[in-house]
Amino acid sequence: MSDFKMDANWLSYDPAPSKPRFVPPPGAVDAHCHVFGPGNRFPYAPERKYTPCDAGKEELFALRDHLGFSRNVIVQATCHGADNRALVDALTASGGRARGVATVRPDVSDETLAMLDAAGVRGVRFNFVRRLVDPKPDSTYHRIIERIAPLGWHVVVYFEAADLEERWDFFTSLPTMVVVDHMGRPDVSKPVDGPEFSHFVELMERPNVWSKVTCPERLSRSGPPSYDDVVPFARHLVERFPDRVLWGTDWPHPNMTTHMPDDGGLVDMIPRIAPSEEARERLLVANPMRLYWFEEAQLSG
């Protein structure tokens, strides 16, 4: 048991998700998930703005197998700050079946970067959601990019739709691949062809920008289990940018307060946002392999 107590108004992940009816293609990747703690082994960061439930690598890998996936991309969460030990522990235990996105500071040592790269880290995450973090000056992020670009890593950015215009110049200045979490958190009560989401699509028109078509449970106004209002947004991106989209569970779904999604149900949404077999192969296999296991992708190609 962890010595840390989860925030009282947050829900724990579903311990018994349904078995999906949709069978992912061989080699499918859950390209956005997390590990939390356990806190008594990997303490949460003192500066964190939330304390999640413990959700370790054993539970993550069991979920991967239950849902019919082959690999994971594990994203460092803000509750662990720049202490990537839980992430590295999971990557090491995966036997090459997981890659990582880390959080680092500008003064990270070359030795640490080399260690993270050897463990399977392929990117860094910049979080701009103010209720979760205190964003830093742009110069801080540019210094980090200077450190990680020689490794061939990419940048993952997390922001809310209302903040896109403020961050536009920064996002469009990035020289690396840029992966946007959760479609930039659109307001799905607005039209998919309206000005707000069209502005995000304009960002996606840049050839180095990718998007995760993830987290209907966070974005939906209509709610579970179908999350119908999110489907048109995700499907639009899959159809328009088939080679630059990724999918993931977001397990264990931190900071959910109203309901906890059924991960099997989330998997069953995939054919609704990627109707064709070809689209699903790109979304779940080809794209994440090209970004996170590029050595293998090059060999197979």
C-alpha atoms as a PDB file:
ATOM      1  CA  MET A   1       0.000   0.000   0.000  1.00  0.00           C
ATOM      2  CA  SER A   2       1.111   3.557  -0.691  1.00  0.00           C
ATOM      3  CA  ASP A   3       1.606   6.010   2.149  1.00  0.00           C
ATOM      4  CA  PHE A   4      -0.070   8.647  -0.029  1.00  0.00           C
ATOM      5  CA  LYS A   5      -3.830   9.057   0.061  1.00  0.00           C
ATOM      6  CA  MET A   6      -5.597   9.569  -3.257  1.00  0.00           C
ATOM      7  CA  ASP A   7      -7.564  12.794  -3.632  1.00  0.00           C
ATOM      8  CA  ALA A   8     -10.923  12.084  -2.017  1.00  0.00           C
ATOM      9  CA  ASN A   9     -13.127  13.303  -4.886  1.00  0.00           C
ATOM     10  CA  TRP A  10     -11.367  11.253  -7.556  1.00  0.00           C
ATOM     11  CA  LEU A  11     -12.347   7.806  -8.744  1.00  0.00           C
ATOM     12  CA  SER A  12     -10.155   4.729  -9.017  1.00  0.00           C
ATOM     13  CA  TYR A  13      -9.858   2.892 -12.331  1.00  0.00           C
ATOM     14  CA  ASP A  14     -12.302   0.123 -13.176  1.00  0.00           C
ATOM     15  CA  PRO A  15     -10.772  -3.089 -11.758  1.00  0.00           C
ATOM     16  CA  ALA A  16     -12.828  -5.338 -14.052  1.00  0.00           C
ATOM     17  CA  PRO A  17     -13.244  -3.753 -17.503  1.00  0.00           C
ATOM     18  CA  SER A  18     -15.299  -5.608 -20.076  1.00  0.00           C
ATOM     19  CA  LYS A  19     -13.703  -7.704 -22.794  1.00  0.00           C
ATOM     20  CA  PRO A  20     -13.962  -5.654 -26.004  1.00  0.00           C
ATOM     21  CA  ARG A  21     -16.027  -6.980 -28.865  1.00  0.00           C
ATOM     22  CA  PHE A  22     -13.617  -5.287 -31.270  1.00  0.00           C
ATOM     23  CA  VAL A  23     -10.396  -7.257 -31.702  1.00  0.00           C
ATOM     24  CA  PRO A  24      -7.415  -4.952 -32.352  1.00  0.00           C
ATOM     25  CA  PRO A  25      -5.125  -5.910 -35.239  1.00  0.00           C
ATOM     26  CA  PRO A  26      -1.925  -7.821 -34.428  1.00  0.00           C
ATOM     27  CA  GLY A  27       0.724  -5.523 -33.007  1.00  0.00           C
ATOM     28  CA  ALA A  28      -1.761  -2.871 -31.815  1.00  0.00           C
ATOM     29  CA  VAL A  29      -0.368  -0.193 -29.506  1.00  0.00           C
ATOM     30  CA  ASP A  30      -2.089   1.585 -26.624  1.00  0.00           C
ATOM     31  CA  ALA A  31      -0.250   4.842 -27.290  1.00  0.00           C
ATOM     32  CA  HIS A  32      -1.343   6.861 -24.251  1.00  0.00           C
ATOM     33  CA  CYS A  33      -1.375   5.385 -20.762  1.00  0.00           C
ATOM     34  CA  HIS A  34       0.337   5.969 -17.419  1.00  0.00           C
ATOM     35  CA  VAL A  35       1.838   4.267 -14.407  1.00  0.00           C
ATOM     36  CA  PHE A  36       1.349   5.771 -10.951  1.00  0.00           C
ATOM     37  CA  GLY A  37       3.622   4.623  -8.148  1.00  0.00           C
ATOM     38  CA  PRO A  38       3.107   2.582  -6.126  1.00  0.00           C
ATOM     39  CA  GLY A  39       3.776   5.575  -3.943  1.00  0.00           C
ATOM     40  CA  ASN A  40       5.732   3.694  -1.300  1.00  0.00           C
ATOM     41  CA  ARG A  41       8.283   2.696  -3.942  1.00  0.00           C
ATOM     42  CA  PHE A  42       8.067   5.635  -6.347  1.00  0.00           C
ATOM     43  CA  PRO A  43       6.906   8.629  -4.283  1.00  0.00           C
ATOM     44  CA  TYR A  44       4.739  11.271  -5.868  1.00  0.00           C
ATOM     45  CA  ALA A  45       6.318  14.668  -6.442  1.00  0.00           C
ATOM     46  CA  PRO A  46       6.068  17.152  -3.560  1.00  0.00           C
ATOM     47  CA  GLU A  47       5.015  19.888  -6.010  1.00  0.00           C
ATOM     48  CA  ARG A  48       2.162  17.809  -7.507  1.00  0.00           C
ATOM     49  CA  LYS A  49      -1.330  19.285  -7.743  1.00  0.00           C
ATOM     50  CA  TYR A  50      -3.052  15.924  -7.296  1.00  0.00           C
ATOM     51  CA  THR A  51      -2.458  12.498  -5.772  1.00  0.00           C
ATOM     52  CA  PRO A  52      -3.771   9.619  -7.906  1.00  0.00           C
ATOM     53  CA  CYS A  53      -4.513   6.036  -6.996  1.00  0.00           C
ATOM     54  CA  ASP A  54      -1.593   3.640  -7.224  1.00  0.00           C
ATOM     55  CA  ALA A  55      -1.637   2.025 -10.667  1.00  0.00           C
ATOM     56  CA  GLY A  56       1.544   0.093 -11.352  1.00  0.00           C
ATOM     57  CA  LYS A  57       3.071  -1.714 -14.267  1.00  0.00           C
ATOM     58  CA  GLU A  58       1.602  -5.097 -13.375  1.00  0.00           C
ATOM     59  CA  GLU A  59      -1.938  -3.746 -13.635  1.00  0.00           C
ATOM     60  CA  LEU A  60      -1.128  -1.891 -16.859  1.00  0.00           C
ATOM     61  CA  PHE A  61       0.342  -4.920 -18.583  1.00  0.00           C
ATOM     62  CA  ALA A  62      -2.568  -7.099 -17.450  1.00  0.00           C
ATOM     63  CA  LEU A  63      -4.960  -4.563 -18.984  1.00  0.00           C
ATOM     64  CA  ARG A  64      -2.936  -4.526 -22.214  1.00  0.00           C
ATOM     65  CA  ASP A  65      -3.356  -8.276 -22.553  1.00  0.00           C
ATOM     66  CA  HIS A  66      -7.025  -8.211 -21.544  1.00  0.00           C
ATOM     67  CA  LEU A  67      -7.863  -5.616 -24.180  1.00  0.00           C
ATOM     68  CA  GLY A  68      -5.950  -7.439 -26.918  1.00  0.00           C
ATOM     69  CA  PHE A  69      -3.077  -5.003 -27.382  1.00  0.00           C
ATOM     70  CA  SER A  70       0.583  -5.849 -27.901  1.00  0.00           C
ATOM     71  CA  ARG A  71       2.422  -2.729 -26.731  1.00  0.00           C
ATOM     72  CA  ASN A  72       2.129   0.442 -24.672  1.00  0.00           C
ATOM     73  CA  VAL A  73       3.390   3.995 -24.816  1.00  0.00           C
ATOM     74  CA  ILE A  74       3.627   5.139 -21.200  1.00  0.00           C
ATOM     75  CA  VAL A  75       3.426   8.879 -20.626  1.00  0.00           C
ATOM     76  CA  GLN A  76       4.958  10.479 -17.553  1.00  0.00           C
ATOM     77  CA  ALA A  77       2.236  12.146 -15.514  1.00  0.00           C
ATOM     78  CA  THR A  78       2.566  15.409 -13.621  1.00  0.00           C
ATOM     79  CA  CYS A  79       2.069  13.734 -10.243  1.00  0.00           C
ATOM     80  CA  HIS A  80       5.580  12.242 -10.588  1.00  0.00           C
ATOM     81  CA  GLY A  81       7.132  15.497 -11.816  1.00  0.00           C
ATOM     82  CA  ALA A  82      10.528  14.976 -13.434  1.00  0.00           C
ATOM     83  CA  ASP A  83      11.206  11.821 -11.403  1.00  0.00           C
ATOM     84  CA  ASN A  84      10.923   9.198 -14.139  1.00  0.00           C
ATOM     85  CA  ARG A  85      11.808   6.159 -12.013  1.00  0.00           C
ATOM     86  CA  ALA A  86       8.349   4.579 -12.148  1.00  0.00           C
ATOM     87  CA  LEU A  87       8.287   5.073 -15.914  1.00  0.00           C
ATOM     88  CA  VAL A  88      11.754   3.571 -16.396  1.00  0.00           C
ATOM     89  CA  ASP A  89      10.883   0.645 -14.129  1.00  0.00           C
ATOM     90  CA  ALA A  90       7.837  -0.144 -16.288  1.00  0.00           C
ATOM     91  CA  LEU A  91       9.763   0.211 -19.538  1.00  0.00           C
ATOM     92  CA  THR A  92      12.506  -2.080 -18.286  1.00  0.00           C
ATOM     93  CA  ALA A  93       9.987  -4.704 -17.160  1.00  0.00           C
ATOM     94  CA  SER A  94       8.136  -4.621 -20.492  1.00  0.00           C
ATOM     95  CA  GLY A  95      10.752  -6.555 -22.412  1.00  0.00           C
ATOM     96  CA  GLY A  96      10.710  -4.015 -25.224  1.00  0.00           C
ATOM     97  CA  ARG A  97       6.931  -3.922 -25.470  1.00  0.00           C
ATOM     98  CA  ALA A  98       6.660  -0.399 -24.053  1.00  0.00           C
ATOM     99  CA  ARG A  99       8.108   2.963 -24.964  1.00  0.00           C
ATOM    100  CA  GLY A 100       7.983   6.114 -22.883  1.00  0.00           C
ATOM    101  CA  VAL A 101       7.430   9.854 -22.876  1.00  0.00           C
ATOM    102  CA  ALA A 102       9.343  11.477 -20.022  1.00  0.00           C
ATOM    103  CA  THR A 103       9.370  14.789 -18.179  1.00  0.00           C
ATOM    104  CA  VAL A 104      12.781  16.419 -17.874  1.00  0.00           C
ATOM    105  CA  ARG A 105      14.189  19.755 -16.781  1.00  0.00           C
ATOM    106  CA  PRO A 106      16.616  21.897 -18.789  1.00  0.00           C
ATOM    107  CA  ASP A 107      19.510  20.927 -16.514  1.00  0.00           C
ATOM    108  CA  VAL A 108      19.036  17.186 -17.034  1.00  0.00           C
ATOM    109  CA  SER A 109      22.419  15.512 -17.404  1.00  0.00           C
ATOM    110  CA  ASP A 110      23.641  13.830 -20.568  1.00  0.00           C
ATOM    111  CA  GLU A 111      23.976  10.630 -18.562  1.00  0.00           C
ATOM    112  CA  THR A 112      20.327  10.736 -17.532  1.00  0.00           C
ATOM    113  CA  LEU A 113      19.184  11.396 -21.084  1.00  0.00           C
ATOM    114  CA  ALA A 114      21.268   8.472 -22.314  1.00  0.00           C
ATOM    115  CA  MET A 115      19.777   6.240 -19.617  1.00  0.00           C
ATOM    116  CA  LEU A 116      16.223   7.278 -20.515  1.00  0.00           C
ATOM    117  CA  ASP A 117      16.881   6.702 -24.208  1.00  0.00           C
ATOM    118  CA  ALA A 118      18.295   3.244 -23.527  1.00  0.00           C
ATOM    119  CA  ALA A 119      15.242   2.411 -21.408  1.00  0.00           C
ATOM    120  CA  GLY A 120      12.916   3.268 -24.287  1.00  0.00           C
ATOM    121  CA  VAL A 121      11.990   6.909 -23.847  1.00  0.00           C
ATOM    122  CA  ARG A 122      11.297   8.552 -27.198  1.00  0.00           C
ATOM    123  CA  GLY A 123       9.816  11.918 -26.254  1.00  0.00           C
ATOM    124  CA  VAL A 124       9.205  14.575 -23.611  1.00  0.00           C
ATOM    125  CA  ARG A 125       5.903  16.008 -22.482  1.00  0.00           C
ATOM    126  CA  PHE A 126       5.060  19.668 -21.959  1.00  0.00           C
ATOM    127  CA  ASN A 127       1.867  20.236 -19.979  1.00  0.00           C
ATOM    128  CA  PHE A 128       0.119  23.609 -20.263  1.00  0.00           C
ATOM    129  CA  VAL A 129      -3.107  22.771 -18.398  1.00  0.00           C
ATOM    130  CA  ARG A 130      -3.033  25.263 -15.551  1.00  0.00           C
ATOM    131  CA  ARG A 131      -5.148  23.242 -13.125  1.00  0.00           C
ATOM    132  CA  LEU A 132      -2.504  20.506 -13.313  1.00  0.00           C
ATOM    133  CA  VAL A 133       0.770  22.434 -13.573  1.00  0.00           C
ATOM    134  CA  ASP A 134       2.295  25.880 -13.534  1.00  0.00           C
ATOM    135  CA  PRO A 135       3.474  26.439 -17.141  1.00  0.00           C
ATOM    136  CA  LYS A 136       7.021  27.732 -17.600  1.00  0.00           C
ATOM    137  CA  PRO A 137       8.398  30.427 -19.922  1.00  0.00           C
ATOM    138  CA  ASP A 138       8.826  29.316 -23.529  1.00  0.00           C
ATOM    139  CA  SER A 139      12.586  29.603 -23.153  1.00  0.00           C
ATOM    140  CA  THR A 140      12.522  26.740 -20.639  1.00  0.00           C
ATOM    141  CA  TYR A 141      10.905  24.405 -23.158  1.00  0.00           C
ATOM    142  CA  HIS A 142      13.238  25.492 -25.956  1.00  0.00           C
ATOM    143  CA  ARG A 143      16.247  24.643 -23.767  1.00  0.00           C
ATOM    144  CA  ILE A 144      14.821  21.174 -23.198  1.00  0.00           C
ATOM    145  CA  ILE A 145      14.239  20.720 -26.927  1.00  0.00           C
ATOM    146  CA  GLU A 146      17.862  21.607 -27.615  1.00  0.00           C
ATOM    147  CA  ARG A 147      18.845  18.768 -25.287  1.00  0.00           C
ATOM    148  CA  ILE A 148      16.530  16.076 -26.638  1.00  0.00           C
ATOM    149  CA  ALA A 149      16.504  16.832 -30.383  1.00  0.00           C
ATOM    150  CA  PRO A 150      19.878  15.120 -31.015  1.00  0.00           C
ATOM    151  CA  LEU A 151      18.336  11.905 -29.646  1.00  0.00           C
ATOM    152  CA  GLY A 152      15.579  11.992 -32.249  1.00  0.00           C
ATOM    153  CA  TRP A 153      12.911  12.420 -29.578  1.00  0.00           C
ATOM    154  CA  HIS A 154       9.654  14.250 -30.156  1.00  0.00           C
ATOM    155  CA  VAL A 155       7.545  16.605 -28.027  1.00  0.00           C
ATOM    156  CA  VAL A 156       4.098  15.807 -26.597  1.00  0.00           C
ATOM    157  CA  VAL A 157       1.976  18.836 -25.688  1.00  0.00           C
ATOM    158  CA  TYR A 158      -1.126  18.920 -23.505  1.00  0.00           C
ATOM    159  CA  PHE A 159      -3.322  22.005 -23.574  1.00  0.00           C
ATOM    160  CA  GLU A 160      -6.944  23.086 -23.689  1.00  0.00           C
ATOM    161  CA  ALA A 161      -8.647  24.455 -26.798  1.00  0.00           C
ATOM    162  CA  ALA A 162      -9.054  27.930 -25.331  1.00  0.00           C
ATOM    163  CA  ASP A 163      -5.276  28.195 -24.934  1.00  0.00           C
ATOM    164  CA  LEU A 164      -4.318  27.262 -28.496  1.00  0.00           C
ATOM    165  CA  GLU A 165      -4.128  30.814 -29.800  1.00  0.00           C
ATOM    166  CA  GLU A 166      -1.891  31.900 -26.916  1.00  0.00           C
ATOM    167  CA  ARG A 167       0.482  29.004 -27.589  1.00  0.00           C
ATOM    168  CA  TRP A 168       0.263  29.085 -31.392  1.00  0.00           C
ATOM    169  CA  ASP A 169       3.611  30.765 -32.041  1.00  0.00           C
ATOM    170  CA  PHE A 170       5.374  28.417 -29.662  1.00  0.00           C
ATOM    171  CA  PHE A 171       3.806  25.250 -31.059  1.00  0.00           C
ATOM    172  CA  THR A 172       4.508  26.244 -34.652  1.00  0.00           C
ATOM    173  CA  SER A 173       8.135  27.059 -33.793  1.00  0.00           C
ATOM    174  CA  LEU A 174       8.987  23.557 -32.604  1.00  0.00           C
ATOM    175  CA  PRO A 175      11.512  21.776 -34.847  1.00  0.00           C
ATOM    176  CA  THR A 176      10.676  18.253 -33.688  1.00  0.00           C
ATOM    177  CA  MET A 177       7.669  16.052 -34.240  1.00  0.00           C
ATOM    178  CA  VAL A 178       4.853  17.392 -32.049  1.00  0.00           C
ATOM    179  CA  VAL A 179       2.135  15.097 -30.684  1.00  0.00           C
ATOM    180  CA  VAL A 180      -0.974  16.741 -29.232  1.00  0.00           C
ATOM    181  CA  ASP A 181      -2.751  14.994 -26.380  1.00  0.00           C
ATOM    182  CA  HIS A 182      -6.507  14.415 -26.664  1.00  0.00           C
ATOM    183  CA  MET A 183      -7.131  16.480 -29.840  1.00  0.00           C
ATOM    184  CA  GLY A 184      -6.271  19.664 -27.948  1.00  0.00           C
ATOM    185  CA  ARG A 185      -9.305  19.120 -25.678  1.00  0.00           C
ATOM    186  CA  PRO A 186     -11.988  20.554 -27.994  1.00  0.00           C
ATOM    187  CA  ASP A 187     -15.348  21.771 -26.760  1.00  0.00           C
ATOM    188  CA  VAL A 188     -17.426  19.033 -28.394  1.00  0.00           C
ATOM    189  CA  SER A 189     -20.641  20.966 -27.889  1.00  0.00           C
ATOM    190  CA  LYS A 190     -19.430  23.233 -30.709  1.00  0.00           C
ATOM    191  CA  PRO A 191     -19.516  22.220 -34.412  1.00  0.00           C
ATOM    192  CA  VAL A 192     -16.713  20.035 -35.682  1.00  0.00           C
ATOM    193  CA  ASP A 193     -16.411  22.441 -38.640  1.00  0.00           C
ATOM    194  CA  GLY A 194     -16.678  25.519 -36.432  1.00  0.00           C
ATOM    195  CA  PRO A 195     -13.886  28.057 -35.940  1.00  0.00           C
ATOM    196  CA  GLU A 196     -12.466  26.567 -32.744  1.00  0.00           C
ATOM    197  CA  PHE A 197     -11.813  23.045 -33.981  1.00  0.00           C
ATOM    198  CA  SER A 198     -10.936  24.347 -37.445  1.00  0.00           C
ATOM    199  CA  HIS A 199      -8.116  26.284 -35.810  1.00  0.00           C
ATOM    200  CA  PHE A 200      -6.804  23.030 -34.350  1.00  0.00           C
ATOM    201  CA  VAL A 201      -7.115  21.368 -37.768  1.00  0.00           C
ATOM    202  CA  GLU A 202      -5.054  24.251 -39.137  1.00  0.00           C
ATOM    203  CA  LEU A 203      -2.336  23.331 -36.635  1.00  0.00           C
ATOM    204  CA  MET A 204      -2.583  19.718 -37.789  1.00  0.00           C
ATOM    205  CA  GLU A 205      -1.959  20.817 -41.362  1.00  0.00           C
ATOM    206  CA  ARG A 206       1.666  21.310 -40.379  1.00  0.00           C
ATOM    207  CA  PRO A 207       3.444  18.081 -41.406  1.00  0.00           C
ATOM    208  CA  ASN A 208       5.278  17.650 -38.082  1.00  0.00           C
ATOM    209  CA  VAL A 209       2.093  17.721 -35.950  1.00  0.00           C
ATOM    210  CA  TRP A 210       0.298  14.556 -34.813  1.00  0.00           C
ATOM    211  CA  SER A 211      -2.746  14.085 -32.593  1.00  0.00           C
ATOM    212  CA  LYS A 212      -4.008  11.487 -30.170  1.00  0.00           C
ATOM    213  CA  VAL A 213      -7.701  10.812 -30.807  1.00  0.00           C
ATOM    214  CA  THR A 214      -8.197   9.938 -27.172  1.00  0.00           C
ATOM    215  CA  CYS A 215     -10.143  10.599 -23.979  1.00  0.00           C
ATOM    216  CA  PRO A 216     -13.827  10.702 -24.939  1.00  0.00           C
ATOM    217  CA  GLU A 217     -14.558  10.268 -21.237  1.00  0.00           C
ATOM    218  CA  ARG A 218     -12.951  13.661 -20.558  1.00  0.00           C
ATOM    219  CA  LEU A 219     -14.348  15.523 -23.546  1.00  0.00           C
ATOM    220  CA  SER A 220     -17.929  14.250 -23.819  1.00  0.00           C
ATOM    221  CA  ARG A 221     -20.957  16.253 -22.763  1.00  0.00           C
ATOM    222  CA  SER A 222     -23.386  13.463 -23.690  1.00  0.00           C
ATOM    223  CA  GLY A 223     -21.525  10.997 -21.469  1.00  0.00           C
ATOM    224  CA  PRO A 224     -21.035   7.224 -21.286  1.00  0.00           C
ATOM    225  CA  PRO A 225     -21.188   4.668 -22.565  1.00  0.00           C
ATOM    226  CA  SER A 226     -21.302   5.857 -26.178  1.00  0.00           C
ATOM    227  CA  TYR A 227     -19.699   9.339 -25.973  1.00  0.00           C
ATOM    228  CA  ASP A 228     -21.458  10.096 -29.264  1.00  0.00           C
ATOM    229  CA  ASP A 229     -20.528  13.770 -29.332  1.00  0.00           C
ATOM    230  CA  VAL A 230     -16.783  13.028 -29.415  1.00  0.00           C
ATOM    231  CA  VAL A 231     -16.892  10.611 -32.352  1.00  0.00           C
ATOM    232  CA  PRO A 232     -17.179  13.229 -35.170  1.00  0.00           C
ATOM    233  CA  PHE A 233     -14.090  15.090 -33.925  1.00  0.00           C
ATOM    234  CA  ALA A 234     -11.912  11.989 -33.687  1.00  0.00           C
ATOM    235  CA  ARG A 235     -13.192  10.588 -36.972  1.00  0.00           C
ATOM    236  CA  HIS A 236     -12.502  13.875 -38.753  1.00  0.00           C
ATOM    237  CA  LEU A 237      -8.839  13.750 -37.725  1.00  0.00           C
ATOM    238  CA  VAL A 238      -8.484  10.052 -38.584  1.00  0.00           C
ATOM    239  CA  GLU A 239      -9.905  10.634 -42.046  1.00  0.00           C
ATOM    240  CA  ARG A 240      -7.989  13.838 -42.783  1.00  0.00           C
ATOM    241  CA  PHE A 241      -4.634  12.898 -41.232  1.00  0.00           C
ATOM    242  CA  PRO A 242      -4.539   9.080 -41.392  1.00  0.00           C
ATOM    243  CA  ASP A 243      -0.756   8.859 -40.998  1.00  0.00           C
ATOM    244  CA  ARG A 244      -0.480  11.220 -37.998  1.00  0.00           C
ATOM    245  CA  VAL A 245      -3.029   9.979 -35.498  1.00  0.00           C
ATOM    246  CA  LEU A 246      -2.629   7.737 -32.452  1.00  0.00           C
ATOM    247  CA  TRP A 247      -5.042   6.052 -30.044  1.00  0.00           C
ATOM    248  CA  GLY A 248      -4.751   5.193 -26.366  1.00  0.00           C
ATOM    249  CA  THR A 249      -6.787   4.334 -23.294  1.00  0.00           C
ATOM    250  CA  ASP A 250      -5.432   7.032 -20.936  1.00  0.00           C
ATOM    251  CA  TRP A 251      -5.514   4.347 -18.229  1.00  0.00           C
ATOM    252  CA  PRO A 252      -5.843   4.718 -15.254  1.00  0.00           C
ATOM    253  CA  HIS A 253      -7.858   7.845 -16.110  1.00  0.00           C
ATOM    254  CA  PRO A 254      -6.599  10.285 -13.482  1.00  0.00           C
ATOM    255  CA  ASN A 255      -8.725  13.109 -12.051  1.00  0.00           C
ATOM    256  CA  MET A 256     -12.067  11.665 -13.130  1.00  0.00           C
ATOM    257  CA  THR A 257     -14.768  12.757 -10.700  1.00  0.00           C
ATOM    258  CA  THR A 258     -18.132  11.926 -12.305  1.00  0.00           C
ATOM    259  CA  HIS A 259     -17.644   8.459 -13.779  1.00  0.00           C
ATOM    260  CA  MET A 260     -14.885   5.972 -14.534  1.00  0.00           C
ATOM    261  CA  PRO A 261     -14.856   4.643 -18.112  1.00  0.00           C
ATOM    262  CA  ASP A 262     -14.929   0.970 -19.009  1.00  0.00           C
ATOM    263  CA  ASP A 263     -11.689   0.402 -20.921  1.00  0.00           C
ATOM    264  CA  GLY A 264     -13.296  -2.375 -22.948  1.00  0.00           C
ATOM    265  CA  GLY A 265     -15.993   0.065 -24.008  1.00  0.00           C
ATOM    266  CA  LEU A 266     -13.352   2.598 -25.059  1.00  0.00           C
ATOM    267  CA  VAL A 267     -11.750  -0.027 -27.309  1.00  0.00           C
ATOM    268  CA  ASP A 268     -15.135  -0.758 -28.853  1.00  0.00           C
ATOM    269  CA  MET A 269     -15.315   2.880 -29.961  1.00  0.00           C
ATOM    270  CA  ILE A 270     -12.339   2.434 -32.303  1.00  0.00           C
ATOM    271  CA  PRO A 271     -14.346   1.203 -35.340  1.00  0.00           C
ATOM    272  CA  ARG A 272     -16.605   4.252 -34.974  1.00  0.00           C
ATOM    273  CA  ILE A 273     -13.694   6.678 -35.373  1.00  0.00           C
ATOM    274  CA  ALA A 274     -11.668   4.513 -37.792  1.00  0.00           C
ATOM    275  CA  PRO A 275     -14.289   2.639 -39.865  1.00  0.00           C
ATOM    276  CA  SER A 276     -12.001   0.884 -42.330  1.00  0.00           C
ATOM    277  CA  GLU A 277      -9.512  -1.867 -41.654  1.00  0.00           C
ATOM    278  CA  GLU A 278      -6.804   0.235 -43.294  1.00  0.00           C
ATOM    279  CA  ALA A 279      -7.538   3.218 -41.045  1.00  0.00           C
ATOM    280  CA  ARG A 280      -7.406   1.030 -37.942  1.00  0.00           C
ATOM    281  CA  GLU A 281      -4.115  -0.551 -39.029  1.00  0.00           C
ATOM    282  CA  ARG A 282      -2.562   2.890 -39.380  1.00  0.00           C
ATOM    283  CA  LEU A 283      -4.064   4.256 -36.159  1.00  0.00           C
ATOM    284  CA  LEU A 284      -3.166   1.310 -33.960  1.00  0.00           C
ATOM    285  CA  VAL A 285      -0.070  -0.236 -35.550  1.00  0.00           C
ATOM    286  CA  ALA A 286       1.737   1.597 -38.345  1.00  0.00           C
ATOM    287  CA  ASN A 287       1.671   5.097 -36.863  1.00  0.00           C
ATOM    288  CA  PRO A 288       2.784   4.300 -33.304  1.00  0.00           C
ATOM    289  CA  MET A 289       5.402   1.889 -34.598  1.00  0.00           C
ATOM    290  CA  ARG A 290       6.830   4.568 -36.886  1.00  0.00           C
ATOM    291  CA  LEU A 291       7.015   7.079 -34.044  1.00  0.00           C
ATOM    292  CA  TYR A 292       8.089   4.891 -31.116  1.00  0.00           C
ATOM    293  CA  TRP A 293       9.663   1.741 -32.573  1.00  0.00           C
ATOM    294  CA  PHE A 294      11.114   3.350 -35.695  1.00  0.00           C
ATOM    295  CA  GLU A 295      14.024   0.900 -35.840  1.00  0.00           C
ATOM    296  CA  GLU A 296      11.615  -2.023 -36.154  1.00  0.00           C
ATOM    297  CA  ALA A 297       9.341  -0.106 -38.517  1.00  0.00           C
ATOM    298  CA  GLN A 298      12.250   0.586 -40.850  1.00  0.00           C
ATOM    299  CA  LEU A 299      13.277  -3.056 -40.868  1.00  0.00           C
ATOM    300  CA  SER A 300       9.756  -4.298 -41.575  1.00  0.00           C
ATOM    301  CA  GLY A 301       9.260  -1.619 -44.239  1.00  0.00           C
END
